[in-house]
Amino acid sequence: MDTLTGVEHLAEPDGFRDFVEARSSALLRSGWLLTGDWPSAEDLVQTALAAAWPHWASLRRQDAPELYVRKIMVNTFLRWRKRRWNGEIATGRLPETQAYDVFAQVDARQSLLAALDRLPARQRAVVVLRYFADQTESQTAEAMGCSVGAVKSHAAKALARLRDAPGLSELMTGGVAS
């Protein structure tokens, strides 16, 4: 314990720093897709990593640290969606003064984010885990704490809603290059 601050310093678990350095970009992208903005994604990833920290030794032995961290992210995201007011998004910079963006990819991304934002939280989580994080149905079910059938059902409903979302027809037909 630090005698000046009264704070106990915990030793860093073996391999934790390496995991964070190797996987933080992928976790942040998943967090961004779940939350819709970078500051919330960063908060989500930090919260998940902080929760995984005390259990790191057992996670390393089970060889499933990323799955566990993603499960924490999904559960935290679902909990936040139930509690948080989503009307205001903090941003580090002011919006552009242009009335529209001239780049089709940016418009497509915005349409996709808007469509994802209209999905219920569990459907959005399934889309992010299955199609962005490329997890199997069983891994997604484990991360969300539900059955594989529930994952399939959420995925089918989410994809149907995304197909009908305004502004996504170009993405679904391959009209916008990635």
C-alpha atoms as a PDB file:
ATOM      1  CA  MET A   1       0.000   0.000   0.000  1.00  0.00           C
ATOM      2  CA  ASP A   2       1.247   3.461  -0.880  1.00  0.00           C
ATOM      3  CA  THR A   3       1.758   5.290   2.427  1.00  0.00           C
ATOM      4  CA  LEU A   4       1.192   8.716   0.870  1.00  0.00           C
ATOM      5  CA  THR A   5      -2.072   8.023  -0.942  1.00  0.00           C
ATOM      6  CA  GLY A   6      -3.394   5.009   0.972  1.00  0.00           C
ATOM      7  CA  VAL A   7      -3.996   3.215  -2.345  1.00  0.00           C
ATOM      8  CA  GLU A   8      -3.054  -0.416  -2.740  1.00  0.00           C
ATOM      9  CA  HIS A   9      -1.144  -1.157  -5.947  1.00  0.00           C
ATOM     10  CA  LEU A  10      -1.978  -4.442  -7.596  1.00  0.00           C
ATOM     11  CA  ALA A  11       0.549  -6.241  -9.742  1.00  0.00           C
ATOM     12  CA  GLU A  12      -0.296  -6.395 -13.422  1.00  0.00           C
ATOM     13  CA  PRO A  13      -1.455  -9.895 -14.396  1.00  0.00           C
ATOM     14  CA  ASP A  14       0.806 -11.801 -16.795  1.00  0.00           C
ATOM     15  CA  GLY A  15      -0.196 -11.293 -20.403  1.00  0.00           C
ATOM     16  CA  PHE A  16      -2.794  -8.614 -19.705  1.00  0.00           C
ATOM     17  CA  ARG A  17      -0.833  -5.788 -21.316  1.00  0.00           C
ATOM     18  CA  ASP A  18      -0.054  -7.951 -24.366  1.00  0.00           C
ATOM     19  CA  PHE A  19      -3.744  -8.802 -24.751  1.00  0.00           C
ATOM     20  CA  VAL A  20      -4.784  -5.155 -24.511  1.00  0.00           C
ATOM     21  CA  GLU A  21      -2.159  -4.077 -27.048  1.00  0.00           C
ATOM     22  CA  ALA A  22      -3.082  -6.859 -29.468  1.00  0.00           C
ATOM     23  CA  ARG A  23      -6.889  -6.774 -29.197  1.00  0.00           C
ATOM     24  CA  SER A  24      -7.847  -3.235 -28.134  1.00  0.00           C
ATOM     25  CA  SER A  25      -8.433  -2.016 -31.711  1.00  0.00           C
ATOM     26  CA  ALA A  26     -10.828  -4.872 -32.447  1.00  0.00           C
ATOM     27  CA  LEU A  27     -12.565  -4.421 -29.090  1.00  0.00           C
ATOM     28  CA  LEU A  28     -12.904  -0.672 -29.701  1.00  0.00           C
ATOM     29  CA  ARG A  29     -14.427  -1.258 -33.144  1.00  0.00           C
ATOM     30  CA  SER A  30     -16.943  -3.665 -31.620  1.00  0.00           C
ATOM     31  CA  GLY A  31     -17.634  -1.160 -28.862  1.00  0.00           C
ATOM     32  CA  TRP A  32     -18.155   1.563 -31.448  1.00  0.00           C
ATOM     33  CA  LEU A  33     -20.613  -0.586 -33.376  1.00  0.00           C
ATOM     34  CA  LEU A  34     -22.493  -1.381 -30.179  1.00  0.00           C
ATOM     35  CA  THR A  35     -22.640   2.168 -28.816  1.00  0.00           C
ATOM     36  CA  GLY A  36     -22.497   4.287 -31.955  1.00  0.00           C
ATOM     37  CA  ASP A  37     -19.807   6.706 -30.772  1.00  0.00           C
ATOM     38  CA  TRP A  38     -16.115   6.571 -29.846  1.00  0.00           C
ATOM     39  CA  PRO A  39     -16.239   8.034 -26.318  1.00  0.00           C
ATOM     40  CA  SER A  40     -18.872   5.479 -25.256  1.00  0.00           C
ATOM     41  CA  ALA A  41     -16.960   2.697 -27.027  1.00  0.00           C
ATOM     42  CA  GLU A  42     -13.810   3.621 -25.126  1.00  0.00           C
ATOM     43  CA  ASP A  43     -15.782   3.643 -21.858  1.00  0.00           C
ATOM     44  CA  LEU A  44     -17.286   0.264 -22.713  1.00  0.00           C
ATOM     45  CA  VAL A  45     -13.903  -1.325 -23.472  1.00  0.00           C
ATOM     46  CA  GLN A  46     -12.310   0.176 -20.351  1.00  0.00           C
ATOM     47  CA  THR A  47     -15.183  -1.084 -18.217  1.00  0.00           C
ATOM     48  CA  ALA A  48     -14.865  -4.582 -19.692  1.00  0.00           C
ATOM     49  CA  LEU A  49     -11.081  -4.683 -19.252  1.00  0.00           C
ATOM     50  CA  ALA A  50     -11.362  -3.421 -15.682  1.00  0.00           C
ATOM     51  CA  ALA A  51     -13.879  -6.171 -14.931  1.00  0.00           C
ATOM     52  CA  ALA A  52     -11.658  -8.821 -16.548  1.00  0.00           C
ATOM     53  CA  TRP A  53      -8.500  -7.683 -14.687  1.00  0.00           C
ATOM     54  CA  PRO A  54      -9.162  -9.507 -11.376  1.00  0.00           C
ATOM     55  CA  HIS A  55     -10.041 -12.749 -13.207  1.00  0.00           C
ATOM     56  CA  TRP A  56      -7.210 -12.616 -15.722  1.00  0.00           C
ATOM     57  CA  ALA A  57      -5.215 -15.569 -14.383  1.00  0.00           C
ATOM     58  CA  SER A  58      -8.179 -17.946 -14.678  1.00  0.00           C
ATOM     59  CA  LEU A  59      -9.106 -16.533 -18.098  1.00  0.00           C
ATOM     60  CA  ARG A  60      -5.625 -17.231 -19.411  1.00  0.00           C
ATOM     61  CA  ARG A  61      -5.840 -20.808 -18.139  1.00  0.00           C
ATOM     62  CA  GLN A  62      -9.189 -21.295 -19.902  1.00  0.00           C
ATOM     63  CA  ASP A  63      -7.739 -19.826 -23.111  1.00  0.00           C
ATOM     64  CA  ALA A  64     -10.812 -17.601 -23.612  1.00  0.00           C
ATOM     65  CA  PRO A  65      -9.936 -14.073 -22.518  1.00  0.00           C
ATOM     66  CA  GLU A  66     -11.306 -12.301 -25.595  1.00  0.00           C
ATOM     67  CA  LEU A  67     -14.619 -14.139 -25.464  1.00  0.00           C
ATOM     68  CA  TYR A  68     -14.955 -13.246 -21.785  1.00  0.00           C
ATOM     69  CA  VAL A  69     -14.126  -9.565 -22.411  1.00  0.00           C
ATOM     70  CA  ARG A  70     -16.641  -9.428 -25.274  1.00  0.00           C
ATOM     71  CA  LYS A  71     -19.259 -11.027 -23.031  1.00  0.00           C
ATOM     72  CA  ILE A  72     -18.627  -8.308 -20.441  1.00  0.00           C
ATOM     73  CA  MET A  73     -18.894  -5.674 -23.190  1.00  0.00           C
ATOM     74  CA  VAL A  74     -22.248  -6.996 -24.415  1.00  0.00           C
ATOM     75  CA  ASN A  75     -23.680  -7.325 -20.911  1.00  0.00           C
ATOM     76  CA  THR A  76     -22.479  -3.845 -19.985  1.00  0.00           C
ATOM     77  CA  PHE A  77     -23.869  -2.392 -23.212  1.00  0.00           C
ATOM     78  CA  LEU A  78     -27.249  -4.031 -22.593  1.00  0.00           C
ATOM     79  CA  ARG A  79     -27.271  -2.745 -19.013  1.00  0.00           C
ATOM     80  CA  TRP A  80     -26.357   0.774 -20.178  1.00  0.00           C
ATOM     81  CA  ARG A  81     -29.092   0.746 -22.817  1.00  0.00           C
ATOM     82  CA  LYS A  82     -31.666  -0.031 -20.162  1.00  0.00           C
ATOM     83  CA  ARG A  83     -30.510   2.789 -17.900  1.00  0.00           C
ATOM     84  CA  ARG A  84     -28.966   5.553 -19.971  1.00  0.00           C
ATOM     85  CA  TRP A  85     -30.657   8.399 -21.714  1.00  0.00           C
ATOM     86  CA  ASN A  86     -29.463   8.325 -25.322  1.00  0.00           C
ATOM     87  CA  GLY A  87     -30.561  11.766 -26.499  1.00  0.00           C
ATOM     88  CA  GLU A  88     -27.176  13.463 -26.269  1.00  0.00           C
ATOM     89  CA  ILE A  89     -23.820  12.329 -27.586  1.00  0.00           C
ATOM     90  CA  ALA A  90     -20.648  13.948 -26.294  1.00  0.00           C
ATOM     91  CA  THR A  91     -18.151  14.808 -29.004  1.00  0.00           C
ATOM     92  CA  GLY A  92     -14.607  16.087 -29.030  1.00  0.00           C
ATOM     93  CA  ARG A  93     -15.128  18.317 -32.060  1.00  0.00           C
ATOM     94  CA  LEU A  94     -17.908  20.399 -33.514  1.00  0.00           C
ATOM     95  CA  PRO A  95     -19.900  19.069 -36.456  1.00  0.00           C
ATOM     96  CA  GLU A  96     -19.022  20.138 -39.974  1.00  0.00           C
ATOM     97  CA  THR A  97     -20.817  23.215 -41.253  1.00  0.00           C
ATOM     98  CA  GLN A  98     -21.748  21.478 -44.526  1.00  0.00           C
ATOM     99  CA  ALA A  99     -25.384  20.489 -44.882  1.00  0.00           C
ATOM    100  CA  TYR A 100     -24.346  17.122 -46.358  1.00  0.00           C
ATOM    101  CA  ASP A 101     -21.284  14.992 -46.875  1.00  0.00           C
ATOM    102  CA  VAL A 102     -20.173  14.443 -50.456  1.00  0.00           C
ATOM    103  CA  PHE A 103     -18.536  11.074 -49.870  1.00  0.00           C
ATOM    104  CA  ALA A 104     -20.754   8.071 -50.472  1.00  0.00           C
ATOM    105  CA  GLN A 105     -18.857   5.847 -48.013  1.00  0.00           C
ATOM    106  CA  VAL A 106     -19.434   8.291 -45.178  1.00  0.00           C
ATOM    107  CA  ASP A 107     -23.115   8.508 -46.039  1.00  0.00           C
ATOM    108  CA  ALA A 108     -23.333   4.722 -46.163  1.00  0.00           C
ATOM    109  CA  ARG A 109     -21.622   4.423 -42.778  1.00  0.00           C
ATOM    110  CA  GLN A 110     -23.988   6.977 -41.291  1.00  0.00           C
ATOM    111  CA  SER A 111     -26.971   5.108 -42.723  1.00  0.00           C
ATOM    112  CA  LEU A 112     -25.634   1.876 -41.277  1.00  0.00           C
ATOM    113  CA  LEU A 113     -25.043   3.424 -37.859  1.00  0.00           C
ATOM    114  CA  ALA A 114     -28.511   4.962 -37.878  1.00  0.00           C
ATOM    115  CA  ALA A 115     -30.029   1.611 -38.814  1.00  0.00           C
ATOM    116  CA  LEU A 116     -28.017  -0.145 -36.089  1.00  0.00           C
ATOM    117  CA  ASP A 117     -29.140   2.485 -33.612  1.00  0.00           C
ATOM    118  CA  ARG A 118     -32.800   1.717 -34.409  1.00  0.00           C
ATOM    119  CA  LEU A 119     -32.328  -1.970 -33.596  1.00  0.00           C
ATOM    120  CA  PRO A 120     -33.228  -3.221 -30.130  1.00  0.00           C
ATOM    121  CA  ALA A 121     -30.127  -3.689 -27.978  1.00  0.00           C
ATOM    122  CA  ARG A 122     -30.043  -7.502 -28.132  1.00  0.00           C
ATOM    123  CA  GLN A 123     -30.476  -7.546 -31.933  1.00  0.00           C
ATOM    124  CA  ARG A 124     -27.719  -4.969 -32.299  1.00  0.00           C
ATOM    125  CA  ALA A 125     -25.436  -7.017 -30.061  1.00  0.00           C
ATOM    126  CA  VAL A 126     -26.061 -10.135 -32.184  1.00  0.00           C
ATOM    127  CA  VAL A 127     -25.295  -8.250 -35.419  1.00  0.00           C
ATOM    128  CA  VAL A 128     -22.055  -6.857 -33.998  1.00  0.00           C
ATOM    129  CA  LEU A 129     -20.869 -10.171 -32.562  1.00  0.00           C
ATOM    130  CA  ARG A 130     -21.944 -12.418 -35.464  1.00  0.00           C
ATOM    131  CA  TYR A 131     -21.214 -10.274 -38.502  1.00  0.00           C
ATOM    132  CA  PHE A 132     -18.595  -7.794 -37.363  1.00  0.00           C
ATOM    133  CA  ALA A 133     -16.639  -9.737 -34.759  1.00  0.00           C
ATOM    134  CA  ASP A 134     -17.131 -12.910 -36.849  1.00  0.00           C
ATOM    135  CA  GLN A 135     -18.152 -15.062 -33.912  1.00  0.00           C
ATOM    136  CA  THR A 136     -20.068 -18.306 -34.302  1.00  0.00           C
ATOM    137  CA  GLU A 137     -23.652 -18.625 -33.181  1.00  0.00           C
ATOM    138  CA  SER A 138     -22.570 -20.605 -30.123  1.00  0.00           C
ATOM    139  CA  GLN A 139     -19.891 -18.046 -29.184  1.00  0.00           C
ATOM    140  CA  THR A 140     -22.447 -15.257 -29.585  1.00  0.00           C
ATOM    141  CA  ALA A 141     -24.967 -17.175 -27.478  1.00  0.00           C
ATOM    142  CA  GLU A 142     -22.359 -17.708 -24.763  1.00  0.00           C
ATOM    143  CA  ALA A 143     -21.340 -14.047 -24.801  1.00  0.00           C
ATOM    144  CA  MET A 144     -24.968 -12.944 -24.524  1.00  0.00           C
ATOM    145  CA  GLY A 145     -26.042 -15.589 -22.043  1.00  0.00           C
ATOM    146  CA  CYS A 146     -28.813 -16.970 -24.241  1.00  0.00           C
ATOM    147  CA  SER A 147     -29.503 -19.972 -26.470  1.00  0.00           C
ATOM    148  CA  VAL A 148     -28.266 -20.467 -30.028  1.00  0.00           C
ATOM    149  CA  GLY A 149     -31.899 -20.373 -31.126  1.00  0.00           C
ATOM    150  CA  ALA A 150     -32.309 -16.933 -29.565  1.00  0.00           C
ATOM    151  CA  VAL A 151     -29.208 -15.757 -31.442  1.00  0.00           C
ATOM    152  CA  LYS A 152     -30.650 -17.061 -34.721  1.00  0.00           C
ATOM    153  CA  SER A 153     -33.974 -15.387 -34.021  1.00  0.00           C
ATOM    154  CA  HIS A 154     -32.375 -12.042 -33.103  1.00  0.00           C
ATOM    155  CA  ALA A 155     -30.140 -12.221 -36.184  1.00  0.00           C
ATOM    156  CA  ALA A 156     -33.037 -12.956 -38.541  1.00  0.00           C
ATOM    157  CA  LYS A 157     -35.149 -10.125 -37.126  1.00  0.00           C
ATOM    158  CA  ALA A 158     -32.222  -7.696 -37.144  1.00  0.00           C
ATOM    159  CA  LEU A 159     -31.251  -8.499 -40.737  1.00  0.00           C
ATOM    160  CA  ALA A 160     -34.872  -8.088 -41.866  1.00  0.00           C
ATOM    161  CA  ARG A 161     -35.002  -4.658 -40.199  1.00  0.00           C
ATOM    162  CA  LEU A 162     -31.663  -3.677 -41.721  1.00  0.00           C
ATOM    163  CA  ARG A 163     -32.829  -4.725 -45.212  1.00  0.00           C
ATOM    164  CA  ASP A 164     -35.820  -2.394 -44.856  1.00  0.00           C
ATOM    165  CA  ALA A 165     -33.829   0.489 -43.372  1.00  0.00           C
ATOM    166  CA  PRO A 166     -33.780   3.663 -45.462  1.00  0.00           C
ATOM    167  CA  GLY A 167     -30.401   4.423 -47.018  1.00  0.00           C
ATOM    168  CA  LEU A 168     -29.080   0.870 -46.833  1.00  0.00           C
ATOM    169  CA  SER A 169     -30.314  -0.429 -50.202  1.00  0.00           C
ATOM    170  CA  GLU A 170     -26.971   0.521 -51.834  1.00  0.00           C
ATOM    171  CA  LEU A 171     -25.080  -1.430 -49.186  1.00  0.00           C
ATOM    172  CA  MET A 172     -27.284  -4.486 -49.528  1.00  0.00           C
ATOM    173  CA  THR A 173     -26.933  -4.533 -53.331  1.00  0.00           C
ATOM    174  CA  GLY A 174     -23.210  -3.732 -53.351  1.00  0.00           C
ATOM    175  CA  GLY A 175     -23.604  -0.216 -54.744  1.00  0.00           C
ATOM    176  CA  VAL A 176     -21.105   1.423 -52.379  1.00  0.00           C
ATOM    177  CA  ALA A 177     -17.464   0.360 -52.406  1.00  0.00           C
ATOM    178  CA  SER A 178     -15.926  -0.241 -49.013  1.00  0.00           C
END
